[in-house]
């Protein structure tokens, strides 16, 4: 890090900036997930099964079904993002936002 201080025009990489926030990540988890789980009466010291993948497999979807659906959804969302970059307009932004919301609902 001292080497970068000698060259103020050199921007610090995202990894170096992330190192500064690393000690606060557990605090962020407690402030979001931990408080929500405690509020719902869950035991925050035990593992939980509320992630999308875990809930989908619990409901009978196979692993390949879940992975395929997530992959196709990501392709669709990525396509919406590309459209908003290649054809910038307020209408395209709103349409992509609504479309993306409908896809993940």
PDB file of N, CA and C in Angstrom:
ATOM      1  N   UNK A   1       0.807  -1.200   0.000  1.00  0.00           N
ATOM      2  CA  UNK A   1       0.000   0.000   0.000  1.00  0.00           C
ATOM      3  C   UNK A   1       0.850   1.265   0.000  1.00  0.00           C
ATOM      4  N   UNK A   2       2.003   1.220   0.658  1.00  0.00           N
ATOM      5  CA  UNK A   2       2.838   2.410   0.717  1.00  0.00           C
ATOM      6  C   UNK A   2       3.322   2.807  -0.670  1.00  0.00           C
ATOM      7  N   UNK A   3       3.526   1.823  -1.541  1.00  0.00           N
ATOM      8  CA  UNK A   3       3.970   2.119  -2.894  1.00  0.00           C
ATOM      9  C   UNK A   3       2.958   2.956  -3.655  1.00  0.00           C
ATOM     10  N   UNK A   4       1.688   2.726  -3.445  1.00  0.00           N
ATOM     11  CA  UNK A   4       0.662   3.499  -4.128  1.00  0.00           C
ATOM     12  C   UNK A   4       0.604   4.931  -3.623  1.00  0.00           C
ATOM     13  N   UNK A   5       0.965   5.142  -2.363  1.00  0.00           N
ATOM     14  CA  UNK A   5       0.948   6.501  -1.814  1.00  0.00           C
ATOM     15  C   UNK A   5       1.959   7.404  -2.518  1.00  0.00           C
ATOM     16  N   UNK A   6       3.016   6.801  -3.063  1.00  0.00           N
ATOM     17  CA  UNK A   6       4.020   7.585  -3.767  1.00  0.00           C
ATOM     18  C   UNK A   6       3.507   8.075  -5.114  1.00  0.00           C
ATOM     19  N   UNK A   7       2.474   7.437  -5.623  1.00  0.00           N
ATOM     20  CA  UNK A   7       1.899   7.793  -6.924  1.00  0.00           C
ATOM     21  C   UNK A   7       0.411   8.092  -6.740  1.00  0.00           C
ATOM     22  N   UNK A   8       0.055   9.322  -6.355  1.00  0.00           N
ATOM     23  CA  UNK A   8      -1.353   9.637  -6.080  1.00  0.00           C
ATOM     24  C   UNK A   8      -2.250   9.499  -7.295  1.00  0.00           C
ATOM     25  N   UNK A   9      -1.683   9.533  -8.509  1.00  0.00           N
ATOM     26  CA  UNK A   9      -2.525   9.410  -9.692  1.00  0.00           C
ATOM     27  C   UNK A   9      -2.971   7.961  -9.922  1.00  0.00           C
ATOM     28  N   UNK A  10      -2.309   7.017  -9.264  1.00  0.00           N
ATOM     29  CA  UNK A  10      -2.689   5.613  -9.412  1.00  0.00           C
ATOM     30  C   UNK A  10      -3.884   5.352  -8.513  1.00  0.00           C
ATOM     31  N   UNK A  11      -4.964   4.910  -9.135  1.00  0.00           N
ATOM     32  CA  UNK A  11      -6.164   4.631  -8.337  1.00  0.00           C
ATOM     33  C   UNK A  11      -6.033   3.286  -7.649  1.00  0.00           C
ATOM     34  N   UNK A  12      -6.552   3.221  -6.477  1.00  0.00           N
ATOM     35  CA  UNK A  12      -6.536   1.948  -5.755  1.00  0.00           C
ATOM     36  C   UNK A  12      -7.578   1.015  -6.351  1.00  0.00           C
ATOM     37  N   UNK A  13      -7.229  -0.239  -6.409  1.00  0.00           N
ATOM     38  CA  UNK A  13      -8.148  -1.209  -7.003  1.00  0.00           C
ATOM     39  C   UNK A  13      -9.305  -1.479  -6.052  1.00  0.00           C
ATOM     40  N   UNK A  14     -10.344  -2.081  -6.578  1.00  0.00           N
ATOM     41  CA  UNK A  14     -11.519  -2.401  -5.764  1.00  0.00           C
ATOM     42  C   UNK A  14     -11.158  -3.377  -4.656  1.00  0.00           C
ATOM     43  N   UNK A  15     -10.156  -4.234  -4.888  1.00  0.00           N
ATOM     44  CA  UNK A  15      -9.775  -5.210  -3.876  1.00  0.00           C
ATOM     45  C   UNK A  15      -9.136  -4.525  -2.679  1.00  0.00           C
ATOM     46  N   UNK A  16      -8.345  -3.492  -2.920  1.00  0.00           N
ATOM     47  CA  UNK A  16      -7.727  -2.777  -1.816  1.00  0.00           C
ATOM     48  C   UNK A  16      -8.766  -2.009  -1.014  1.00  0.00           C
ATOM     49  N   UNK A  17      -9.741  -1.417  -1.688  1.00  0.00           N
ATOM     50  CA  UNK A  17     -10.800  -0.713  -0.967  1.00  0.00           C
ATOM     51  C   UNK A  17     -11.662  -1.696  -0.190  1.00  0.00           C
ATOM     52  N   UNK A  18     -11.874  -2.875  -0.739  1.00  0.00           N
ATOM     53  CA  UNK A  18     -12.685  -3.885  -0.064  1.00  0.00           C
ATOM     54  C   UNK A  18     -12.002  -4.357   1.210  1.00  0.00           C
ATOM     55  N   UNK A  19     -10.680  -4.431   1.200  1.00  0.00           N
ATOM     56  CA  UNK A  19      -9.962  -4.858   2.399  1.00  0.00           C
ATOM     57  C   UNK A  19     -10.277  -3.956   3.586  1.00  0.00           C
ATOM     58  N   UNK A  20     -10.518  -2.692   3.336  1.00  0.00           N
ATOM     59  CA  UNK A  20     -10.817  -1.768   4.419  1.00  0.00           C
ATOM     60  C   UNK A  20     -12.185  -2.036   5.030  1.00  0.00           C
ATOM     61  N   UNK A  21     -13.118  -2.571   4.232  1.00  0.00           N
ATOM     62  CA  UNK A  21     -14.462  -2.815   4.748  1.00  0.00           C
ATOM     63  C   UNK A  21     -14.650  -4.224   5.288  1.00  0.00           C
ATOM     64  N   UNK A  22     -13.676  -5.099   5.096  1.00  0.00           N
ATOM     65  CA  UNK A  22     -13.820  -6.499   5.495  1.00  0.00           C
ATOM     66  C   UNK A  22     -14.187  -6.683   6.976  1.00  0.00           C
ATOM     67  N   UNK A  23     -13.605  -5.927   7.897  1.00  0.00           N
ATOM     68  CA  UNK A  23     -13.968  -6.138   9.310  1.00  0.00           C
ATOM     69  C   UNK A  23     -15.427  -5.806   9.621  1.00  0.00           C
ATOM     70  N   UNK A  24     -16.074  -5.029   8.751  1.00  0.00           N
ATOM     71  CA  UNK A  24     -17.449  -4.614   9.021  1.00  0.00           C
ATOM     72  C   UNK A  24     -18.492  -5.533   8.396  1.00  0.00           C
ATOM     73  N   UNK A  25     -18.068  -6.518   7.601  1.00  0.00           N
ATOM     74  CA  UNK A  25     -19.033  -7.399   6.950  1.00  0.00           C
ATOM     75  C   UNK A  25     -19.877  -8.200   7.935  1.00  0.00           C
ATOM     76  N   UNK A  26     -19.300  -8.738   9.010  1.00  0.00           N
ATOM     77  CA  UNK A  26     -20.168  -9.421   9.982  1.00  0.00           C
ATOM     78  C   UNK A  26     -21.225  -8.488  10.573  1.00  0.00           C
ATOM     79  N   UNK A  27     -20.875  -7.233  10.751  1.00  0.00           N
ATOM     80  CA  UNK A  27     -21.837  -6.262  11.270  1.00  0.00           C
ATOM     81  C   UNK A  27     -22.978  -6.060  10.280  1.00  0.00           C
ATOM     82  N   UNK A  28     -22.643  -6.027   9.003  1.00  0.00           N
ATOM     83  CA  UNK A  28     -23.673  -5.873   7.982  1.00  0.00           C
ATOM     84  C   UNK A  28     -24.603  -7.077   7.978  1.00  0.00           C
ATOM     85  N   UNK A  29     -24.044  -8.288   8.153  1.00  0.00           N
ATOM     86  CA  UNK A  29     -24.877  -9.483   8.186  1.00  0.00           C
ATOM     87  C   UNK A  29     -25.828  -9.428   9.375  1.00  0.00           C
ATOM     88  N   UNK A  30     -25.312  -9.071  10.531  1.00  0.00           N
ATOM     89  CA  UNK A  30     -26.144  -9.010  11.732  1.00  0.00           C
ATOM     90  C   UNK A  30     -27.243  -7.964  11.556  1.00  0.00           C
ATOM     91  N   UNK A  31     -26.892  -6.828  10.941  1.00  0.00           N
ATOM     92  CA  UNK A  31     -27.861  -5.746  10.772  1.00  0.00           C
ATOM     93  C   UNK A  31     -28.964  -6.122   9.784  1.00  0.00           C
ATOM     94  N   UNK A  32     -28.698  -7.041   8.877  1.00  0.00           N
ATOM     95  CA  UNK A  32     -29.722  -7.401   7.890  1.00  0.00           C
ATOM     96  C   UNK A  32     -30.326  -8.760   8.208  1.00  0.00           C
ATOM     97  N   UNK A  33     -29.595  -9.805   7.922  1.00  0.00           N
ATOM     98  CA  UNK A  33     -30.132 -11.166   8.075  1.00  0.00           C
ATOM     99  C   UNK A  33     -30.378 -11.537   9.528  1.00  0.00           C
ATOM    100  N   UNK A  34     -29.431 -11.229  10.377  1.00  0.00           N
ATOM    101  CA  UNK A  34     -29.561 -11.623  11.777  1.00  0.00           C
ATOM    102  C   UNK A  34     -30.773 -11.009  12.452  1.00  0.00           C
ATOM    103  N   UNK A  35     -30.991  -9.737  12.245  1.00  0.00           N
ATOM    104  CA  UNK A  35     -32.132  -9.054  12.866  1.00  0.00           C
ATOM    105  C   UNK A  35     -33.440  -9.604  12.299  1.00  0.00           C
ATOM    106  N   UNK A  36     -33.492  -9.813  10.976  1.00  0.00           N
ATOM    107  CA  UNK A  36     -34.715 -10.350  10.361  1.00  0.00           C
ATOM    108  C   UNK A  36     -35.030 -11.739  10.905  1.00  0.00           C
ATOM    109  N   UNK A  37     -34.014 -12.591  10.983  1.00  0.00           N
ATOM    110  CA  UNK A  37     -34.245 -13.951  11.484  1.00  0.00           C
ATOM    111  C   UNK A  37     -34.654 -13.941  12.951  1.00  0.00           C
ATOM    112  N   UNK A  38     -34.015 -13.093  13.756  1.00  0.00           N
ATOM    113  CA  UNK A  38     -34.381 -12.999  15.173  1.00  0.00           C
ATOM    114  C   UNK A  38     -35.807 -12.485  15.317  1.00  0.00           C
ATOM    115  N   UNK A  39     -36.175 -11.513  14.502  1.00  0.00           N
ATOM    116  CA  UNK A  39     -37.526 -10.954  14.538  1.00  0.00           C
ATOM    117  C   UNK A  39     -38.569 -12.030  14.213  1.00  0.00           C
ATOM    118  N   UNK A  40     -38.226 -12.943  13.294  1.00  0.00           N
ATOM    119  CA  UNK A  40     -39.140 -14.028  12.915  1.00  0.00           C
ATOM    120  C   UNK A  40     -39.094 -15.203  13.886  1.00  0.00           C
ATOM    121  N   UNK A  41     -38.333 -15.078  14.962  1.00  0.00           N
ATOM    122  CA  UNK A  41     -38.284 -16.139  15.966  1.00  0.00           C
ATOM    123  C   UNK A  41     -37.349 -17.273  15.603  1.00  0.00           C
ATOM    124  N   UNK A  42     -36.498 -17.110  14.586  1.00  0.00           N
ATOM    125  CA  UNK A  42     -35.561 -18.158  14.192  1.00  0.00           C
ATOM    126  C   UNK A  42     -34.327 -18.107  15.087  1.00  0.00           C
ATOM    127  N   UNK A  43     -33.674 -19.244  15.216  1.00  0.00           N
ATOM    128  CA  UNK A  43     -32.437 -19.312  15.988  1.00  0.00           C
ATOM    129  C   UNK A  43     -31.292 -18.920  15.063  1.00  0.00           C
ATOM    130  N   UNK A  44     -30.708 -17.751  15.303  1.00  0.00           N
ATOM    131  CA  UNK A  44     -29.714 -17.227  14.369  1.00  0.00           C
ATOM    132  C   UNK A  44     -28.394 -17.986  14.436  1.00  0.00           C
ATOM    133  N   UNK A  45     -28.173 -18.796  15.440  1.00  0.00           N
ATOM    134  CA  UNK A  45     -26.937 -19.547  15.557  1.00  0.00           C
ATOM    135  C   UNK A  45     -27.015 -20.892  14.829  1.00  0.00           C
ATOM    136  N   UNK A  46     -28.187 -21.229  14.280  1.00  0.00           N
ATOM    137  CA  UNK A  46     -28.338 -22.471  13.528  1.00  0.00           C
ATOM    138  C   UNK A  46     -28.428 -22.179  12.040  1.00  0.00           C
ATOM    139  N   UNK A  47     -28.016 -23.177  11.244  1.00  0.00           N
ATOM    140  CA  UNK A  47     -28.123 -23.037   9.788  1.00  0.00           C
ATOM    141  C   UNK A  47     -29.596 -22.919   9.407  1.00  0.00           C
ATOM    142  N   UNK A  48     -29.842 -22.264   8.301  1.00  0.00           N
ATOM    143  CA  UNK A  48     -31.219 -22.089   7.855  1.00  0.00           C
ATOM    144  C   UNK A  48     -31.347 -22.485   6.394  1.00  0.00           C
ATOM    145  N   UNK A  49     -32.561 -22.762   5.977  1.00  0.00           N
ATOM    146  CA  UNK A  49     -32.817 -23.257   4.626  1.00  0.00           C
ATOM    147  C   UNK A  49     -33.785 -22.326   3.898  1.00  0.00           C
ATOM    148  N   UNK A  50     -33.468 -21.049   3.867  1.00  0.00           N
ATOM    149  CA  UNK A  50     -34.389 -20.107   3.249  1.00  0.00           C
ATOM    150  C   UNK A  50     -33.874 -19.532   1.933  1.00  0.00           C
ATOM    151  N   UNK A  51     -32.711 -19.990   1.465  1.00  0.00           N
ATOM    152  CA  UNK A  51     -32.225 -19.517   0.169  1.00  0.00           C
ATOM    153  C   UNK A  51     -33.073 -20.128  -0.948  1.00  0.00           C
ATOM    154  N   UNK A  52     -33.119 -19.459  -2.091  1.00  0.00           N
ATOM    155  CA  UNK A  52     -33.940 -19.905  -3.211  1.00  0.00           C
ATOM    156  C   UNK A  52     -33.644 -21.353  -3.589  1.00  0.00           C
ATOM    157  N   UNK A  53     -32.370 -21.691  -3.737  1.00  0.00           N
ATOM    158  CA  UNK A  53     -31.993 -23.035  -4.159  1.00  0.00           C
ATOM    159  C   UNK A  53     -32.484 -24.079  -3.161  1.00  0.00           C
ATOM    160  N   UNK A  54     -32.299 -23.821  -1.880  1.00  0.00           N
ATOM    161  CA  UNK A  54     -32.711 -24.775  -0.861  1.00  0.00           C
ATOM    162  C   UNK A  54     -34.229 -24.936  -0.839  1.00  0.00           C
ATOM    163  N   UNK A  55     -34.956 -23.842  -0.970  1.00  0.00           N
ATOM    164  CA  UNK A  55     -36.417 -23.922  -0.981  1.00  0.00           C
ATOM    165  C   UNK A  55     -36.916 -24.660  -2.211  1.00  0.00           C
ATOM    166  N   UNK A  56     -36.274 -24.449  -3.356  1.00  0.00           N
ATOM    167  CA  UNK A  56     -36.694 -25.123  -4.591  1.00  0.00           C
ATOM    168  C   UNK A  56     -36.463 -26.625  -4.494  1.00  0.00           C
ATOM    169  N   UNK A  57     -35.311 -27.048  -3.993  1.00  0.00           N
ATOM    170  CA  UNK A  57     -35.066 -28.493  -3.882  1.00  0.00           C
ATOM    171  C   UNK A  57     -35.961 -29.116  -2.817  1.00  0.00           C
ATOM    172  N   UNK A  58     -36.278 -28.376  -1.761  1.00  0.00           N
ATOM    173  CA  UNK A  58     -37.212 -28.883  -0.753  1.00  0.00           C
ATOM    174  C   UNK A  58     -38.604 -29.094  -1.335  1.00  0.00           C
ATOM    175  N   UNK A  59     -38.949 -28.312  -2.353  1.00  0.00           N
ATOM    176  CA  UNK A  59     -40.276 -28.413  -2.975  1.00  0.00           C
ATOM    177  C   UNK A  59     -40.311 -29.399  -4.135  1.00  0.00           C
ATOM    178  N   UNK A  60     -39.241 -30.164  -4.321  1.00  0.00           N
ATOM    179  CA  UNK A  60     -39.274 -31.245  -5.294  1.00  0.00           C
ATOM    180  C   UNK A  60     -38.566 -31.001  -6.611  1.00  0.00           C
ATOM    181  N   UNK A  61     -37.985 -29.836  -6.809  1.00  0.00           N
ATOM    182  CA  UNK A  61     -37.240 -29.595  -8.046  1.00  0.00           C
ATOM    183  C   UNK A  61     -35.890 -30.302  -7.955  1.00  0.00           C
ATOM    184  N   UNK A  62     -35.449 -30.862  -9.073  1.00  0.00           N
ATOM    185  CA  UNK A  62     -34.134 -31.483  -9.086  1.00  0.00           C
ATOM    186  C   UNK A  62     -33.073 -30.393  -9.197  1.00  0.00           C
ATOM    187  N   UNK A  63     -31.837 -30.770  -8.935  1.00  0.00           N
ATOM    188  CA  UNK A  63     -30.736 -29.809  -9.006  1.00  0.00           C
ATOM    189  C   UNK A  63     -30.628 -29.243 -10.414  1.00  0.00           C
ATOM    190  N   UNK A  64     -30.709 -30.108 -11.434  1.00  0.00           N
ATOM    191  CA  UNK A  64     -30.578 -29.634 -12.813  1.00  0.00           C
ATOM    192  C   UNK A  64     -31.728 -28.703 -13.193  1.00  0.00           C
ATOM    193  N   UNK A  65     -32.928 -28.947 -12.661  1.00  0.00           N
ATOM    194  CA  UNK A  65     -34.058 -28.035 -12.909  1.00  0.00           C
ATOM    195  C   UNK A  65     -33.772 -26.640 -12.350  1.00  0.00           C
ATOM    196  N   UNK A  66     -33.285 -26.593 -11.134  1.00  0.00           N
ATOM    197  CA  UNK A  66     -33.016 -25.303 -10.483  1.00  0.00           C
ATOM    198  C   UNK A  66     -31.900 -24.568 -11.220  1.00  0.00           C
ATOM    199  N   UNK A  67     -30.825 -25.278 -11.531  1.00  0.00           N
ATOM    200  CA  UNK A  67     -29.694 -24.648 -12.209  1.00  0.00           C
ATOM    201  C   UNK A  67     -30.106 -24.140 -13.587  1.00  0.00           C
ATOM    202  N   UNK A  68     -30.893 -24.935 -14.317  1.00  0.00           N
ATOM    203  CA  UNK A  68     -31.345 -24.525 -15.651  1.00  0.00           C
ATOM    204  C   UNK A  68     -32.224 -23.285 -15.572  1.00  0.00           C
ATOM    205  N   UNK A  69     -33.154 -23.272 -14.650  1.00  0.00           N
ATOM    206  CA  UNK A  69     -34.040 -22.109 -14.510  1.00  0.00           C
ATOM    207  C   UNK A  69     -33.273 -20.850 -14.134  1.00  0.00           C
ATOM    208  N   UNK A  70     -32.319 -20.975 -13.228  1.00  0.00           N
ATOM    209  CA  UNK A  70     -31.519 -19.816 -12.825  1.00  0.00           C
ATOM    210  C   UNK A  70     -30.661 -19.338 -13.997  1.00  0.00           C
ATOM    211  N   UNK A  71     -30.097 -20.267 -14.759  1.00  0.00           N
ATOM    212  CA  UNK A  71     -29.272 -19.903 -15.909  1.00  0.00           C
ATOM    213  C   UNK A  71     -30.093 -19.154 -16.956  1.00  0.00           C
ATOM    214  N   UNK A  72     -31.274 -19.675 -17.286  1.00  0.00           N
ATOM    215  CA  UNK A  72     -32.132 -19.022 -18.283  1.00  0.00           C
ATOM    216  C   UNK A  72     -32.579 -17.648 -17.784  1.00  0.00           C
ATOM    217  N   UNK A  73     -32.930 -17.560 -16.512  1.00  0.00           N
ATOM    218  CA  UNK A  73     -33.321 -16.271 -15.938  1.00  0.00           C
ATOM    219  C   UNK A  73     -32.176 -15.266 -16.021  1.00  0.00           C
ATOM    220  N   UNK A  74     -30.962 -15.703 -15.705  1.00  0.00           N
ATOM    221  CA  UNK A  74     -29.811 -14.801 -15.783  1.00  0.00           C
ATOM    222  C   UNK A  74     -29.549 -14.355 -17.219  1.00  0.00           C
ATOM    223  N   UNK A  75     -29.745 -15.247 -18.196  1.00  0.00           N
ATOM    224  CA  UNK A  75     -29.601 -14.846 -19.597  1.00  0.00           C
ATOM    225  C   UNK A  75     -30.623 -13.772 -19.958  1.00  0.00           C
ATOM    226  N   UNK A  76     -31.854 -13.959 -19.508  1.00  0.00           N
ATOM    227  CA  UNK A  76     -32.903 -12.986 -19.811  1.00  0.00           C
ATOM    228  C   UNK A  76     -32.609 -11.644 -19.150  1.00  0.00           C
ATOM    229  N   UNK A  77     -32.198 -11.654 -17.890  1.00  0.00           N
ATOM    230  CA  UNK A  77     -31.874 -10.408 -17.193  1.00  0.00           C
ATOM    231  C   UNK A  77     -30.656  -9.725 -17.809  1.00  0.00           C
ATOM    232  N   UNK A  78     -29.677 -10.525 -18.199  1.00  0.00           N
ATOM    233  CA  UNK A  78     -28.513  -9.960 -18.877  1.00  0.00           C
ATOM    234  C   UNK A  78     -28.890  -9.322 -20.202  1.00  0.00           C
ATOM    235  N   UNK A  79     -29.815  -9.946 -20.924  1.00  0.00           N
ATOM    236  CA  UNK A  79     -30.283  -9.380 -22.189  1.00  0.00           C
ATOM    237  C   UNK A  79     -30.975  -8.041 -21.969  1.00  0.00           C
ATOM    238  N   UNK A  80     -31.772  -7.953 -20.924  1.00  0.00           N
ATOM    239  CA  UNK A  80     -32.417  -6.675 -20.606  1.00  0.00           C
ATOM    240  C   UNK A  80     -31.374  -5.602 -20.294  1.00  0.00           C
ATOM    241  N   UNK A  81     -30.331  -5.977 -19.581  1.00  0.00           N
ATOM    242  CA  UNK A  81     -29.272  -5.017 -19.260  1.00  0.00           C
ATOM    243  C   UNK A  81     -28.565  -4.543 -20.524  1.00  0.00           C
ATOM    244  N   UNK A  82     -28.296  -5.471 -21.448  1.00  0.00           N
ATOM    245  CA  UNK A  82     -27.633  -5.102 -22.706  1.00  0.00           C
ATOM    246  C   UNK A  82     -28.511  -4.147 -23.505  1.00  0.00           C
ATOM    247  N   UNK A  83     -29.821  -4.408 -23.534  1.00  0.00           N
ATOM    248  CA  UNK A  83     -30.736  -3.532 -24.267  1.00  0.00           C
ATOM    249  C   UNK A  83     -30.689  -2.114 -23.705  1.00  0.00           C
ATOM    250  N   UNK A  84     -30.650  -1.990 -22.384  1.00  0.00           N
ATOM    251  CA  UNK A  84     -30.641  -0.642 -21.796  1.00  0.00           C
ATOM    252  C   UNK A  84     -29.348   0.104 -22.094  1.00  0.00           C
ATOM    253  N   UNK A  85     -28.255  -0.628 -22.319  1.00  0.00           N
ATOM    254  CA  UNK A  85     -26.984   0.022 -22.646  1.00  0.00           C
ATOM    255  C   UNK A  85     -26.924   0.384 -24.131  1.00  0.00           C
ATOM    256  N   UNK A  86     -27.368  -0.544 -24.984  1.00  0.00           N
ATOM    257  CA  UNK A  86     -27.285  -0.309 -26.431  1.00  0.00           C
ATOM    258  C   UNK A  86     -28.338   0.670 -26.934  1.00  0.00           C
ATOM    259  N   UNK A  87     -29.492   0.699 -26.301  1.00  0.00           N
ATOM    260  CA  UNK A  87     -30.585   1.587 -26.706  1.00  0.00           C
ATOM    261  C   UNK A  87     -31.012   2.453 -25.522  1.00  0.00           C
ATOM    262  N   UNK A  88     -30.174   3.397 -25.139  1.00  0.00           N
ATOM    263  CA  UNK A  88     -30.484   4.183 -23.935  1.00  0.00           C
ATOM    264  C   UNK A  88     -31.665   5.134 -24.137  1.00  0.00           C
ATOM    265  N   UNK A  89     -32.667   4.931 -23.343  1.00  0.00           N
ATOM    266  CA  UNK A  89     -33.807   5.844 -23.280  1.00  0.00           C
ATOM    267  C   UNK A  89     -34.562   5.559 -22.000  1.00  0.00           C
ATOM    268  N   UNK A  90     -35.308   6.517 -21.539  1.00  0.00           N
ATOM    269  CA  UNK A  90     -36.084   6.347 -20.309  1.00  0.00           C
ATOM    270  C   UNK A  90     -37.108   5.222 -20.485  1.00  0.00           C
ATOM    271  N   UNK A  91     -37.724   5.136 -21.671  1.00  0.00           N
ATOM    272  CA  UNK A  91     -38.720   4.099 -21.937  1.00  0.00           C
ATOM    273  C   UNK A  91     -38.095   2.708 -21.856  1.00  0.00           C
ATOM    274  N   UNK A  92     -36.927   2.527 -22.452  1.00  0.00           N
ATOM    275  CA  UNK A  92     -36.256   1.221 -22.387  1.00  0.00           C
ATOM    276  C   UNK A  92     -35.853   0.877 -20.961  1.00  0.00           C
ATOM    277  N   UNK A  93     -35.405   1.864 -20.207  1.00  0.00           N
ATOM    278  CA  UNK A  93     -35.039   1.616 -18.810  1.00  0.00           C
ATOM    279  C   UNK A  93     -36.244   1.145 -17.998  1.00  0.00           C
ATOM    280  N   UNK A  94     -37.360   1.835 -18.161  1.00  0.00           N
ATOM    281  CA  UNK A  94     -38.573   1.463 -17.420  1.00  0.00           C
ATOM    282  C   UNK A  94     -39.073   0.095 -17.880  1.00  0.00           C
ATOM    283  N   UNK A  95     -39.054  -0.148 -19.202  1.00  0.00           N
ATOM    284  CA  UNK A  95     -39.511  -1.435 -19.722  1.00  0.00           C
ATOM    285  C   UNK A  95     -38.628  -2.576 -19.208  1.00  0.00           C
ATOM    286  N   UNK A  96     -37.322  -2.352 -19.158  1.00  0.00           N
ATOM    287  CA  UNK A  96     -36.414  -3.380 -18.649  1.00  0.00           C
ATOM    288  C   UNK A  96     -36.637  -3.611 -17.157  1.00  0.00           C
ATOM    289  N   UNK A  97     -36.873  -2.550 -16.423  1.00  0.00           N
ATOM    290  CA  UNK A  97     -37.131  -2.676 -14.991  1.00  0.00           C
ATOM    291  C   UNK A  97     -38.413  -3.475 -14.734  1.00  0.00           C
ATOM    292  N   UNK A  98     -39.467  -3.134 -15.459  1.00  0.00           N
ATOM    293  CA  UNK A  98     -40.740  -3.853 -15.306  1.00  0.00           C
ATOM    294  C   UNK A  98     -40.594  -5.297 -15.767  1.00  0.00           C
ATOM    295  N   UNK A  99     -39.917  -5.490 -16.907  1.00  0.00           N
ATOM    296  CA  UNK A  99     -39.701  -6.841 -17.412  1.00  0.00           C
ATOM    297  C   UNK A  99     -38.882  -7.691 -16.463  1.00  0.00           C
ATOM    298  N   UNK A 100     -37.815  -7.111 -15.914  1.00  0.00           N
ATOM    299  CA  UNK A 100     -36.990  -7.840 -14.956  1.00  0.00           C
ATOM    300  C   UNK A 100     -37.753  -8.174 -13.692  1.00  0.00           C
ATOM    301  N   UNK A 101     -38.563  -7.226 -13.231  1.00  0.00           N
ATOM    302  CA  UNK A 101     -39.401  -7.491 -12.056  1.00  0.00           C
ATOM    303  C   UNK A 101     -40.389  -8.618 -12.301  1.00  0.00           C
ATOM    304  N   UNK A 102     -40.966  -8.632 -13.502  1.00  0.00           N
ATOM    305  CA  UNK A 102     -41.908  -9.709 -13.837  1.00  0.00           C
ATOM    306  C   UNK A 102     -41.201 -11.055 -13.933  1.00  0.00           C
ATOM    307  N   UNK A 103     -39.971 -11.059 -14.434  1.00  0.00           N
ATOM    308  CA  UNK A 103     -39.246 -12.321 -14.566  1.00  0.00           C
ATOM    309  C   UNK A 103     -38.890 -12.935 -13.207  1.00  0.00           C
ATOM    310  N   UNK A 104     -38.536 -12.109 -12.259  1.00  0.00           N
ATOM    311  CA  UNK A 104     -38.115 -12.641 -10.967  1.00  0.00           C
ATOM    312  C   UNK A 104     -39.269 -12.810  -9.972  1.00  0.00           C
ATOM    313  N   UNK A 105     -40.438 -12.319 -10.308  1.00  0.00           N
ATOM    314  CA  UNK A 105     -41.583 -12.434  -9.386  1.00  0.00           C
ATOM    315  C   UNK A 105     -42.086 -13.855  -9.269  1.00  0.00           C
TER     316      UNK A 105
END
